């Protein structure tokens, strides 16, 4: 059995060593043009040439959470595309979202600004009941985030394309319930996969349905958000702020208004990083299962985009 490793901007040596330890019977090598045909591929932003040449792949395993970039390419018709289920990312995402939420709710950013000017200040405590949190996307990451936020006793809503049930979360589903979900939310967290249906889902029409003084946290993809609509709603006062980890162009270009906007906090796509050891163990386990003819989780429906 042969595995081809084709991951852009990734040091291959630790990955190869990890896979060789997990699957000692496997021949795994870094792909180069004209390389022998492989049975499986471990990929991140592979070139189209790789996909065109590797005509016998049974499966492609993406080492990141999102597969939207891969779906823009011509994939081998016979190969399954398999995404990571968690691999250590869900707890990181929960940490990030809870930090962003609590930082804004407790006005820690305002206290920080006051301290920087030598000012000892006080703000009236807020009630969590007045800060319902809406989570868009209830997959592996979204469900973990929703459960974590609920531990801090905020009201939590969740919205997904198809009906879901999560303990402690008021769930909404489908287009018919989307407006009700938005109207019930003051903080909006985006954890949706990026598809044709979800692109630009956070625009003036939808963000204006949030409760006044709302806050936006985007940890999914930059193309979910219409940048100028967010800025307009912040400047108009309907939204109070935003914490953004993902952007339409990354790195975020110098001069982009997000950098200097006083109500926007920017982080460099670091909300949940791939953890190598956990990822290798998960992919290795799925390869072994496929070799035994068993089904595996995380197979992407290419038509739906997730």
C-alpha atoms as a PDB file:
ATOM      1  CA  UNK A   1       0.000   0.000   0.000  1.00  0.00           C
ATOM      2  CA  UNK A   2       1.301   3.433  -0.938  1.00  0.00           C
ATOM      3  CA  UNK A   3       0.430   6.861   0.493  1.00  0.00           C
ATOM      4  CA  UNK A   4       1.313  10.099  -1.246  1.00  0.00           C
ATOM      5  CA  UNK A   5       1.884  13.158   0.970  1.00  0.00           C
ATOM      6  CA  UNK A   6       1.090  16.428  -0.810  1.00  0.00           C
ATOM      7  CA  UNK A   7       0.683  19.277   1.695  1.00  0.00           C
ATOM      8  CA  UNK A   8       1.634  22.816   0.704  1.00  0.00           C
ATOM      9  CA  UNK A   9       3.501  24.976   3.230  1.00  0.00           C
ATOM     10  CA  UNK A  10       3.946  21.998   5.553  1.00  0.00           C
ATOM     11  CA  UNK A  11       7.247  20.473   6.713  1.00  0.00           C
ATOM     12  CA  UNK A  12       6.849  16.860   5.607  1.00  0.00           C
ATOM     13  CA  UNK A  13       9.441  15.089   7.774  1.00  0.00           C
ATOM     14  CA  UNK A  14       7.495  14.971  11.075  1.00  0.00           C
ATOM     15  CA  UNK A  15       4.362  13.864   9.233  1.00  0.00           C
ATOM     16  CA  UNK A  16       6.171  11.098   7.357  1.00  0.00           C
ATOM     17  CA  UNK A  17       7.810   9.868  10.568  1.00  0.00           C
ATOM     18  CA  UNK A  18       4.443   9.835  12.332  1.00  0.00           C
ATOM     19  CA  UNK A  19       2.693   7.907   9.570  1.00  0.00           C
ATOM     20  CA  UNK A  20       5.558   5.401   9.321  1.00  0.00           C
ATOM     21  CA  UNK A  21       5.286   4.763  13.050  1.00  0.00           C
ATOM     22  CA  UNK A  22       1.500   4.398  12.888  1.00  0.00           C
ATOM     23  CA  UNK A  23       1.482   2.347   9.673  1.00  0.00           C
ATOM     24  CA  UNK A  24       4.853   0.562   9.476  1.00  0.00           C
ATOM     25  CA  UNK A  25       3.711  -1.607   6.587  1.00  0.00           C
ATOM     26  CA  UNK A  26       2.940   1.414   4.380  1.00  0.00           C
ATOM     27  CA  UNK A  27       5.155   3.127   1.824  1.00  0.00           C
ATOM     28  CA  UNK A  28       4.624   6.887   2.258  1.00  0.00           C
ATOM     29  CA  UNK A  29       6.536   9.519   0.315  1.00  0.00           C
ATOM     30  CA  UNK A  30       6.296  13.202  -0.541  1.00  0.00           C
ATOM     31  CA  UNK A  31       4.684  13.646  -3.941  1.00  0.00           C
ATOM     32  CA  UNK A  32       6.648  14.976  -6.870  1.00  0.00           C
ATOM     33  CA  UNK A  33       5.485  15.182 -10.497  1.00  0.00           C
ATOM     34  CA  UNK A  34       5.646  11.754 -12.092  1.00  0.00           C
ATOM     35  CA  UNK A  35       5.642   9.908  -8.756  1.00  0.00           C
ATOM     36  CA  UNK A  36       4.251   6.349  -8.629  1.00  0.00           C
ATOM     37  CA  UNK A  37       0.522   5.957  -8.257  1.00  0.00           C
ATOM     38  CA  UNK A  38      -0.692   5.807  -4.658  1.00  0.00           C
ATOM     39  CA  UNK A  39      -3.659   4.187  -2.950  1.00  0.00           C
ATOM     40  CA  UNK A  40      -4.281   7.043  -0.513  1.00  0.00           C
ATOM     41  CA  UNK A  41      -3.265  10.689  -0.300  1.00  0.00           C
ATOM     42  CA  UNK A  42      -2.753  13.055   2.624  1.00  0.00           C
ATOM     43  CA  UNK A  43      -3.253  16.563   1.318  1.00  0.00           C
ATOM     44  CA  UNK A  44      -3.430  20.263   2.037  1.00  0.00           C
ATOM     45  CA  UNK A  45      -3.864  22.673  -0.893  1.00  0.00           C
ATOM     46  CA  UNK A  46      -2.523  20.215  -3.482  1.00  0.00           C
ATOM     47  CA  UNK A  47      -1.963  21.379  -7.063  1.00  0.00           C
ATOM     48  CA  UNK A  48      -4.314  20.208  -9.790  1.00  0.00           C
ATOM     49  CA  UNK A  49      -1.421  18.309 -11.387  1.00  0.00           C
ATOM     50  CA  UNK A  50      -1.249  16.034  -8.354  1.00  0.00           C
ATOM     51  CA  UNK A  51      -4.946  15.174  -8.613  1.00  0.00           C
ATOM     52  CA  UNK A  52      -4.705  14.649 -12.367  1.00  0.00           C
ATOM     53  CA  UNK A  53      -1.732  12.304 -12.070  1.00  0.00           C
ATOM     54  CA  UNK A  54      -2.969  10.237  -9.128  1.00  0.00           C
ATOM     55  CA  UNK A  55      -5.646   8.292 -10.955  1.00  0.00           C
ATOM     56  CA  UNK A  56      -5.862   5.270  -8.621  1.00  0.00           C
ATOM     57  CA  UNK A  57      -6.518   6.956  -5.292  1.00  0.00           C
ATOM     58  CA  UNK A  58      -9.130   5.352  -3.053  1.00  0.00           C
ATOM     59  CA  UNK A  59      -9.308   8.353  -0.728  1.00  0.00           C
ATOM     60  CA  UNK A  60      -7.895  11.804  -0.086  1.00  0.00           C
ATOM     61  CA  UNK A  61      -7.464  12.832   3.554  1.00  0.00           C
ATOM     62  CA  UNK A  62      -7.416  16.577   4.179  1.00  0.00           C
ATOM     63  CA  UNK A  63      -5.303  17.655   7.173  1.00  0.00           C
ATOM     64  CA  UNK A  64      -7.422  20.764   7.834  1.00  0.00           C
ATOM     65  CA  UNK A  65     -11.015  21.068   8.995  1.00  0.00           C
ATOM     66  CA  UNK A  66     -12.395  22.760   5.865  1.00  0.00           C
ATOM     67  CA  UNK A  67     -12.504  21.155   2.424  1.00  0.00           C
ATOM     68  CA  UNK A  68     -13.858  24.110   0.429  1.00  0.00           C
ATOM     69  CA  UNK A  69     -10.508  24.766  -1.300  1.00  0.00           C
ATOM     70  CA  UNK A  70     -10.313  21.142  -2.462  1.00  0.00           C
ATOM     71  CA  UNK A  71     -13.821  21.268  -3.879  1.00  0.00           C
ATOM     72  CA  UNK A  72     -12.720  24.003  -6.275  1.00  0.00           C
ATOM     73  CA  UNK A  73     -10.387  21.483  -7.933  1.00  0.00           C
ATOM     74  CA  UNK A  74     -11.090  18.559 -10.257  1.00  0.00           C
ATOM     75  CA  UNK A  75     -11.045  15.571  -7.926  1.00  0.00           C
ATOM     76  CA  UNK A  76     -10.411  11.968  -9.037  1.00  0.00           C
ATOM     77  CA  UNK A  77     -13.849  10.508  -9.702  1.00  0.00           C
ATOM     78  CA  UNK A  78     -13.153   7.232  -7.904  1.00  0.00           C
ATOM     79  CA  UNK A  79     -11.635   8.741  -4.740  1.00  0.00           C
ATOM     80  CA  UNK A  80     -13.505   9.566  -1.566  1.00  0.00           C
ATOM     81  CA  UNK A  81     -12.699  12.904   0.067  1.00  0.00           C
ATOM     82  CA  UNK A  82     -12.426  12.499   3.848  1.00  0.00           C
ATOM     83  CA  UNK A  83     -12.325  15.374   6.320  1.00  0.00           C
ATOM     84  CA  UNK A  84     -11.059  15.353   9.887  1.00  0.00           C
ATOM     85  CA  UNK A  85     -13.649  14.707  12.570  1.00  0.00           C
ATOM     86  CA  UNK A  86     -11.837  16.573  15.336  1.00  0.00           C
ATOM     87  CA  UNK A  87      -8.142  15.768  15.801  1.00  0.00           C
ATOM     88  CA  UNK A  88      -7.822  18.147  18.740  1.00  0.00           C
ATOM     89  CA  UNK A  89      -9.446  21.138  17.041  1.00  0.00           C
ATOM     90  CA  UNK A  90     -12.834  21.233  18.769  1.00  0.00           C
ATOM     91  CA  UNK A  91     -11.434  22.049  22.219  1.00  0.00           C
ATOM     92  CA  UNK A  92      -9.294  24.810  20.718  1.00  0.00           C
ATOM     93  CA  UNK A  93     -12.319  26.240  18.935  1.00  0.00           C
ATOM     94  CA  UNK A  94     -14.333  26.140  22.151  1.00  0.00           C
ATOM     95  CA  UNK A  95     -11.521  27.956  23.980  1.00  0.00           C
ATOM     96  CA  UNK A  96     -11.369  30.656  21.340  1.00  0.00           C
ATOM     97  CA  UNK A  97     -15.112  31.291  21.114  1.00  0.00           C
ATOM     98  CA  UNK A  98     -15.598  31.305  24.884  1.00  0.00           C
ATOM     99  CA  UNK A  99     -12.688  33.724  25.235  1.00  0.00           C
ATOM    100  CA  UNK A 100     -14.103  36.049  22.552  1.00  0.00           C
ATOM    101  CA  UNK A 101     -17.579  35.905  24.079  1.00  0.00           C
ATOM    102  CA  UNK A 102     -16.488  36.477  27.671  1.00  0.00           C
ATOM    103  CA  UNK A 103     -13.988  39.187  26.730  1.00  0.00           C
ATOM    104  CA  UNK A 104     -16.807  41.174  25.143  1.00  0.00           C
ATOM    105  CA  UNK A 105     -19.522  40.312  27.669  1.00  0.00           C
ATOM    106  CA  UNK A 106     -17.335  41.245  30.648  1.00  0.00           C
ATOM    107  CA  UNK A 107     -16.061  44.342  28.772  1.00  0.00           C
ATOM    108  CA  UNK A 108     -12.472  43.269  29.338  1.00  0.00           C
ATOM    109  CA  UNK A 109     -11.382  45.070  26.182  1.00  0.00           C
ATOM    110  CA  UNK A 110     -12.707  48.338  27.643  1.00  0.00           C
ATOM    111  CA  UNK A 111     -10.975  47.682  30.966  1.00  0.00           C
ATOM    112  CA  UNK A 112      -7.750  46.991  29.081  1.00  0.00           C
ATOM    113  CA  UNK A 113      -8.027  50.309  27.257  1.00  0.00           C
ATOM    114  CA  UNK A 114      -8.662  52.134  30.536  1.00  0.00           C
ATOM    115  CA  UNK A 115      -5.690  50.490  32.251  1.00  0.00           C
ATOM    116  CA  UNK A 116      -3.458  51.475  29.346  1.00  0.00           C
ATOM    117  CA  UNK A 117      -4.346  55.102  30.187  1.00  0.00           C
ATOM    118  CA  UNK A 118      -3.891  54.644  33.925  1.00  0.00           C
ATOM    119  CA  UNK A 119      -7.631  54.757  34.594  1.00  0.00           C
ATOM    120  CA  UNK A 120      -9.276  52.721  37.377  1.00  0.00           C
ATOM    121  CA  UNK A 121     -12.820  52.121  36.107  1.00  0.00           C
ATOM    122  CA  UNK A 122     -15.993  50.228  36.913  1.00  0.00           C
ATOM    123  CA  UNK A 123     -18.822  48.948  34.738  1.00  0.00           C
ATOM    124  CA  UNK A 124     -22.191  47.639  35.786  1.00  0.00           C
ATOM    125  CA  UNK A 125     -22.396  43.817  35.588  1.00  0.00           C
ATOM    126  CA  UNK A 126     -24.436  42.434  32.713  1.00  0.00           C
ATOM    127  CA  UNK A 127     -26.974  39.615  32.838  1.00  0.00           C
ATOM    128  CA  UNK A 128     -26.212  36.496  30.808  1.00  0.00           C
ATOM    129  CA  UNK A 129     -29.924  36.149  30.121  1.00  0.00           C
ATOM    130  CA  UNK A 130     -29.639  39.289  27.975  1.00  0.00           C
ATOM    131  CA  UNK A 131     -26.840  37.817  25.851  1.00  0.00           C
ATOM    132  CA  UNK A 132     -28.208  34.802  23.961  1.00  0.00           C
ATOM    133  CA  UNK A 133     -25.544  33.166  21.798  1.00  0.00           C
ATOM    134  CA  UNK A 134     -26.394  31.743  18.385  1.00  0.00           C
ATOM    135  CA  UNK A 135     -24.094  29.098  16.894  1.00  0.00           C
ATOM    136  CA  UNK A 136     -24.362  28.663  13.114  1.00  0.00           C
ATOM    137  CA  UNK A 137     -23.274  25.115  12.341  1.00  0.00           C
ATOM    138  CA  UNK A 138     -23.723  22.164  14.687  1.00  0.00           C
ATOM    139  CA  UNK A 139     -21.157  19.729  13.358  1.00  0.00           C
ATOM    140  CA  UNK A 140     -18.347  18.303  15.481  1.00  0.00           C
ATOM    141  CA  UNK A 141     -16.830  21.734  16.150  1.00  0.00           C
ATOM    142  CA  UNK A 142     -20.107  23.622  16.474  1.00  0.00           C
ATOM    143  CA  UNK A 143     -21.619  21.176  18.925  1.00  0.00           C
ATOM    144  CA  UNK A 144     -18.518  21.294  21.133  1.00  0.00           C
ATOM    145  CA  UNK A 145     -18.595  25.095  21.090  1.00  0.00           C
ATOM    146  CA  UNK A 146     -22.326  25.192  21.894  1.00  0.00           C
ATOM    147  CA  UNK A 147     -21.908  22.859  24.866  1.00  0.00           C
ATOM    148  CA  UNK A 148     -18.939  24.872  26.145  1.00  0.00           C
ATOM    149  CA  UNK A 149     -20.768  28.197  25.922  1.00  0.00           C
ATOM    150  CA  UNK A 150     -23.744  26.670  27.748  1.00  0.00           C
ATOM    151  CA  UNK A 151     -21.429  25.805  30.664  1.00  0.00           C
ATOM    152  CA  UNK A 152     -21.118  29.543  31.324  1.00  0.00           C
ATOM    153  CA  UNK A 153     -24.917  29.760  31.617  1.00  0.00           C
ATOM    154  CA  UNK A 154     -25.535  31.848  28.517  1.00  0.00           C
ATOM    155  CA  UNK A 155     -28.721  31.003  26.601  1.00  0.00           C
ATOM    156  CA  UNK A 156     -27.498  29.038  23.572  1.00  0.00           C
ATOM    157  CA  UNK A 157     -29.162  28.606  20.194  1.00  0.00           C
ATOM    158  CA  UNK A 158     -27.941  26.466  17.341  1.00  0.00           C
ATOM    159  CA  UNK A 159     -28.799  26.563  13.651  1.00  0.00           C
ATOM    160  CA  UNK A 160     -28.053  23.902  11.065  1.00  0.00           C
ATOM    161  CA  UNK A 161     -29.285  22.939   7.615  1.00  0.00           C
ATOM    162  CA  UNK A 162     -30.946  19.771   8.899  1.00  0.00           C
ATOM    163  CA  UNK A 163     -32.552  19.218  12.337  1.00  0.00           C
ATOM    164  CA  UNK A 164     -30.210  18.471  15.237  1.00  0.00           C
ATOM    165  CA  UNK A 165     -30.676  17.918  18.943  1.00  0.00           C
ATOM    166  CA  UNK A 166     -28.071  19.084  21.448  1.00  0.00           C
ATOM    167  CA  UNK A 167     -28.708  19.029  25.190  1.00  0.00           C
ATOM    168  CA  UNK A 168     -28.953  22.526  26.616  1.00  0.00           C
ATOM    169  CA  UNK A 169     -29.203  24.129  23.175  1.00  0.00           C
ATOM    170  CA  UNK A 170     -32.329  25.494  21.510  1.00  0.00           C
ATOM    171  CA  UNK A 171     -31.998  24.173  17.975  1.00  0.00           C
ATOM    172  CA  UNK A 172     -33.283  25.702  14.748  1.00  0.00           C
ATOM    173  CA  UNK A 173     -33.006  24.169  11.282  1.00  0.00           C
ATOM    174  CA  UNK A 174     -33.362  25.120   7.648  1.00  0.00           C
ATOM    175  CA  UNK A 175     -34.269  28.315   5.833  1.00  0.00           C
ATOM    176  CA  UNK A 176     -37.733  28.400   7.423  1.00  0.00           C
ATOM    177  CA  UNK A 177     -36.266  28.880  10.912  1.00  0.00           C
ATOM    178  CA  UNK A 178     -33.211  30.982  10.047  1.00  0.00           C
ATOM    179  CA  UNK A 179     -34.801  34.383  10.707  1.00  0.00           C
ATOM    180  CA  UNK A 180     -36.209  33.164  14.039  1.00  0.00           C
ATOM    181  CA  UNK A 181     -32.739  31.956  14.999  1.00  0.00           C
ATOM    182  CA  UNK A 182     -31.147  35.299  14.162  1.00  0.00           C
ATOM    183  CA  UNK A 183     -33.816  37.280  16.012  1.00  0.00           C
ATOM    184  CA  UNK A 184     -33.253  35.137  19.110  1.00  0.00           C
ATOM    185  CA  UNK A 185     -29.471  35.787  19.069  1.00  0.00           C
ATOM    186  CA  UNK A 186     -27.378  38.695  20.285  1.00  0.00           C
ATOM    187  CA  UNK A 187     -24.003  37.047  19.745  1.00  0.00           C
ATOM    188  CA  UNK A 188     -23.553  35.231  16.431  1.00  0.00           C
ATOM    189  CA  UNK A 189     -20.840  32.586  16.018  1.00  0.00           C
ATOM    190  CA  UNK A 190     -20.155  31.190  12.540  1.00  0.00           C
ATOM    191  CA  UNK A 191     -18.936  27.595  12.343  1.00  0.00           C
ATOM    192  CA  UNK A 192     -20.546  26.642   9.034  1.00  0.00           C
ATOM    193  CA  UNK A 193     -18.803  24.852   6.183  1.00  0.00           C
ATOM    194  CA  UNK A 194     -18.274  27.140   3.196  1.00  0.00           C
ATOM    195  CA  UNK A 195     -20.599  26.146   0.360  1.00  0.00           C
ATOM    196  CA  UNK A 196     -22.473  27.962  -2.389  1.00  0.00           C
ATOM    197  CA  UNK A 197     -25.421  28.228   0.015  1.00  0.00           C
ATOM    198  CA  UNK A 198     -23.443  29.647   2.945  1.00  0.00           C
ATOM    199  CA  UNK A 199     -21.180  32.090   1.096  1.00  0.00           C
ATOM    200  CA  UNK A 200     -22.020  35.680   2.171  1.00  0.00           C
ATOM    201  CA  UNK A 201     -24.482  34.338   4.757  1.00  0.00           C
ATOM    202  CA  UNK A 202     -23.395  37.107   7.142  1.00  0.00           C
ATOM    203  CA  UNK A 203     -24.511  40.198   5.238  1.00  0.00           C
ATOM    204  CA  UNK A 204     -26.612  43.269   6.040  1.00  0.00           C
ATOM    205  CA  UNK A 205     -29.886  41.394   5.510  1.00  0.00           C
ATOM    206  CA  UNK A 206     -29.012  38.721   8.072  1.00  0.00           C
ATOM    207  CA  UNK A 207     -26.787  40.608  10.529  1.00  0.00           C
ATOM    208  CA  UNK A 208     -29.397  43.335  10.904  1.00  0.00           C
ATOM    209  CA  UNK A 209     -31.782  40.708  12.292  1.00  0.00           C
ATOM    210  CA  UNK A 210     -29.579  40.154  15.342  1.00  0.00           C
ATOM    211  CA  UNK A 211     -30.652  41.823  18.553  1.00  0.00           C
ATOM    212  CA  UNK A 212     -29.415  45.440  18.886  1.00  0.00           C
ATOM    213  CA  UNK A 213     -25.897  45.692  20.242  1.00  0.00           C
ATOM    214  CA  UNK A 214     -24.999  42.313  18.766  1.00  0.00           C
ATOM    215  CA  UNK A 215     -21.540  40.801  18.508  1.00  0.00           C
ATOM    216  CA  UNK A 216     -20.121  38.645  15.681  1.00  0.00           C
ATOM    217  CA  UNK A 217     -17.489  35.900  16.007  1.00  0.00           C
ATOM    218  CA  UNK A 218     -16.298  34.314  12.747  1.00  0.00           C
ATOM    219  CA  UNK A 219     -14.080  31.230  13.007  1.00  0.00           C
ATOM    220  CA  UNK A 220     -15.267  29.461   9.849  1.00  0.00           C
ATOM    221  CA  UNK A 221     -14.287  31.088   6.533  1.00  0.00           C
ATOM    222  CA  UNK A 222     -13.808  34.692   5.469  1.00  0.00           C
ATOM    223  CA  UNK A 223     -16.207  34.321   2.542  1.00  0.00           C
ATOM    224  CA  UNK A 224     -19.095  33.783   4.948  1.00  0.00           C
ATOM    225  CA  UNK A 225     -18.926  37.479   5.822  1.00  0.00           C
ATOM    226  CA  UNK A 226     -19.547  40.547   3.655  1.00  0.00           C
ATOM    227  CA  UNK A 227     -16.869  42.837   5.040  1.00  0.00           C
ATOM    228  CA  UNK A 228     -18.414  46.175   4.129  1.00  0.00           C
ATOM    229  CA  UNK A 229     -21.816  45.170   5.559  1.00  0.00           C
ATOM    230  CA  UNK A 230     -20.240  44.332   8.922  1.00  0.00           C
ATOM    231  CA  UNK A 231     -18.398  47.650   9.029  1.00  0.00           C
ATOM    232  CA  UNK A 232     -21.559  49.583   8.128  1.00  0.00           C
ATOM    233  CA  UNK A 233     -23.595  47.931  10.891  1.00  0.00           C
ATOM    234  CA  UNK A 234     -20.813  48.572  13.405  1.00  0.00           C
ATOM    235  CA  UNK A 235     -20.586  52.230  12.397  1.00  0.00           C
ATOM    236  CA  UNK A 236     -24.372  52.594  12.542  1.00  0.00           C
ATOM    237  CA  UNK A 237     -24.416  51.136  16.062  1.00  0.00           C
ATOM    238  CA  UNK A 238     -26.623  48.111  15.405  1.00  0.00           C
ATOM    239  CA  UNK A 239     -23.658  45.854  16.140  1.00  0.00           C
ATOM    240  CA  UNK A 240     -21.322  46.494  19.058  1.00  0.00           C
ATOM    241  CA  UNK A 241     -18.283  44.595  17.853  1.00  0.00           C
ATOM    242  CA  UNK A 242     -16.731  41.577  16.194  1.00  0.00           C
ATOM    243  CA  UNK A 243     -13.854  39.148  16.671  1.00  0.00           C
ATOM    244  CA  UNK A 244     -12.640  37.714  13.376  1.00  0.00           C
ATOM    245  CA  UNK A 245     -10.155  34.890  12.836  1.00  0.00           C
ATOM    246  CA  UNK A 246     -10.727  34.232   9.117  1.00  0.00           C
ATOM    247  CA  UNK A 247     -10.742  36.504   6.075  1.00  0.00           C
ATOM    248  CA  UNK A 248     -11.441  36.514   2.355  1.00  0.00           C
ATOM    249  CA  UNK A 249      -7.764  37.080   1.677  1.00  0.00           C
ATOM    250  CA  UNK A 250      -5.139  35.695   4.041  1.00  0.00           C
ATOM    251  CA  UNK A 251      -2.912  37.106   5.345  1.00  0.00           C
ATOM    252  CA  UNK A 252      -5.265  40.048   5.809  1.00  0.00           C
ATOM    253  CA  UNK A 253      -3.886  42.737   3.467  1.00  0.00           C
ATOM    254  CA  UNK A 254      -2.206  45.814   4.881  1.00  0.00           C
ATOM    255  CA  UNK A 255      -4.611  48.701   4.758  1.00  0.00           C
ATOM    256  CA  UNK A 256      -7.735  46.579   5.142  1.00  0.00           C
ATOM    257  CA  UNK A 257     -10.191  48.489   7.374  1.00  0.00           C
ATOM    258  CA  UNK A 258     -10.471  45.533   9.772  1.00  0.00           C
ATOM    259  CA  UNK A 259      -6.948  46.238  11.040  1.00  0.00           C
ATOM    260  CA  UNK A 260      -7.763  49.645  12.491  1.00  0.00           C
ATOM    261  CA  UNK A 261     -11.499  49.480  13.206  1.00  0.00           C
ATOM    262  CA  UNK A 262     -11.998  50.187  16.926  1.00  0.00           C
ATOM    263  CA  UNK A 263     -14.810  47.654  17.270  1.00  0.00           C
ATOM    264  CA  UNK A 264     -13.070  44.745  15.500  1.00  0.00           C
ATOM    265  CA  UNK A 265     -10.534  42.347  16.989  1.00  0.00           C
ATOM    266  CA  UNK A 266      -8.414  40.438  14.449  1.00  0.00           C
ATOM    267  CA  UNK A 267      -6.514  37.189  14.978  1.00  0.00           C
ATOM    268  CA  UNK A 268      -4.429  35.423  12.278  1.00  0.00           C
ATOM    269  CA  UNK A 269      -6.497  32.267  11.542  1.00  0.00           C
ATOM    270  CA  UNK A 270      -5.393  30.627  14.757  1.00  0.00           C
ATOM    271  CA  UNK A 271      -8.669  29.671  16.465  1.00  0.00           C
ATOM    272  CA  UNK A 272      -8.052  25.941  15.931  1.00  0.00           C
ATOM    273  CA  UNK A 273      -4.816  24.564  14.520  1.00  0.00           C
ATOM    274  CA  UNK A 274      -4.290  21.070  13.221  1.00  0.00           C
ATOM    275  CA  UNK A 275      -2.575  18.929  15.863  1.00  0.00           C
ATOM    276  CA  UNK A 276      -0.215  16.609  14.013  1.00  0.00           C
ATOM    277  CA  UNK A 277      -0.206  13.564  16.294  1.00  0.00           C
ATOM    278  CA  UNK A 278      -3.990  13.486  16.663  1.00  0.00           C
ATOM    279  CA  UNK A 279      -4.450  13.972  12.912  1.00  0.00           C
ATOM    280  CA  UNK A 280      -2.033  11.178  12.022  1.00  0.00           C
ATOM    281  CA  UNK A 281      -3.743   8.782  14.437  1.00  0.00           C
ATOM    282  CA  UNK A 282      -7.165   9.583  12.999  1.00  0.00           C
ATOM    283  CA  UNK A 283      -6.114   9.246   9.354  1.00  0.00           C
ATOM    284  CA  UNK A 284      -4.142   6.065  10.033  1.00  0.00           C
ATOM    285  CA  UNK A 285      -7.158   4.524  11.748  1.00  0.00           C
ATOM    286  CA  UNK A 286      -9.394   5.378   8.815  1.00  0.00           C
ATOM    287  CA  UNK A 287      -6.945   3.945   6.297  1.00  0.00           C
ATOM    288  CA  UNK A 288      -6.794   0.686   8.254  1.00  0.00           C
ATOM    289  CA  UNK A 289     -10.590   0.583   8.384  1.00  0.00           C
ATOM    290  CA  UNK A 290     -10.860   1.160   4.628  1.00  0.00           C
ATOM    291  CA  UNK A 291      -8.326  -1.587   4.002  1.00  0.00           C
ATOM    292  CA  UNK A 292     -10.617  -3.915   5.936  1.00  0.00           C
ATOM    293  CA  UNK A 293     -13.567  -2.797   3.846  1.00  0.00           C
ATOM    294  CA  UNK A 294     -15.221  -0.907   6.697  1.00  0.00           C
ATOM    295  CA  UNK A 295     -16.987   2.464   6.358  1.00  0.00           C
ATOM    296  CA  UNK A 296     -15.314   5.539   7.851  1.00  0.00           C
ATOM    297  CA  UNK A 297     -16.703   8.800   9.213  1.00  0.00           C
ATOM    298  CA  UNK A 298     -16.084  12.172   7.626  1.00  0.00           C
ATOM    299  CA  UNK A 299     -16.650  11.245   3.980  1.00  0.00           C
ATOM    300  CA  UNK A 300     -17.595  14.453   2.178  1.00  0.00           C
ATOM    301  CA  UNK A 301     -20.662  14.684  -0.002  1.00  0.00           C
ATOM    302  CA  UNK A 302     -19.046  16.604  -2.849  1.00  0.00           C
ATOM    303  CA  UNK A 303     -22.382  17.903  -4.146  1.00  0.00           C
ATOM    304  CA  UNK A 304     -23.351  19.354  -0.756  1.00  0.00           C
ATOM    305  CA  UNK A 305     -19.829  20.559  -0.033  1.00  0.00           C
ATOM    306  CA  UNK A 306     -19.438  18.943   3.412  1.00  0.00           C
END
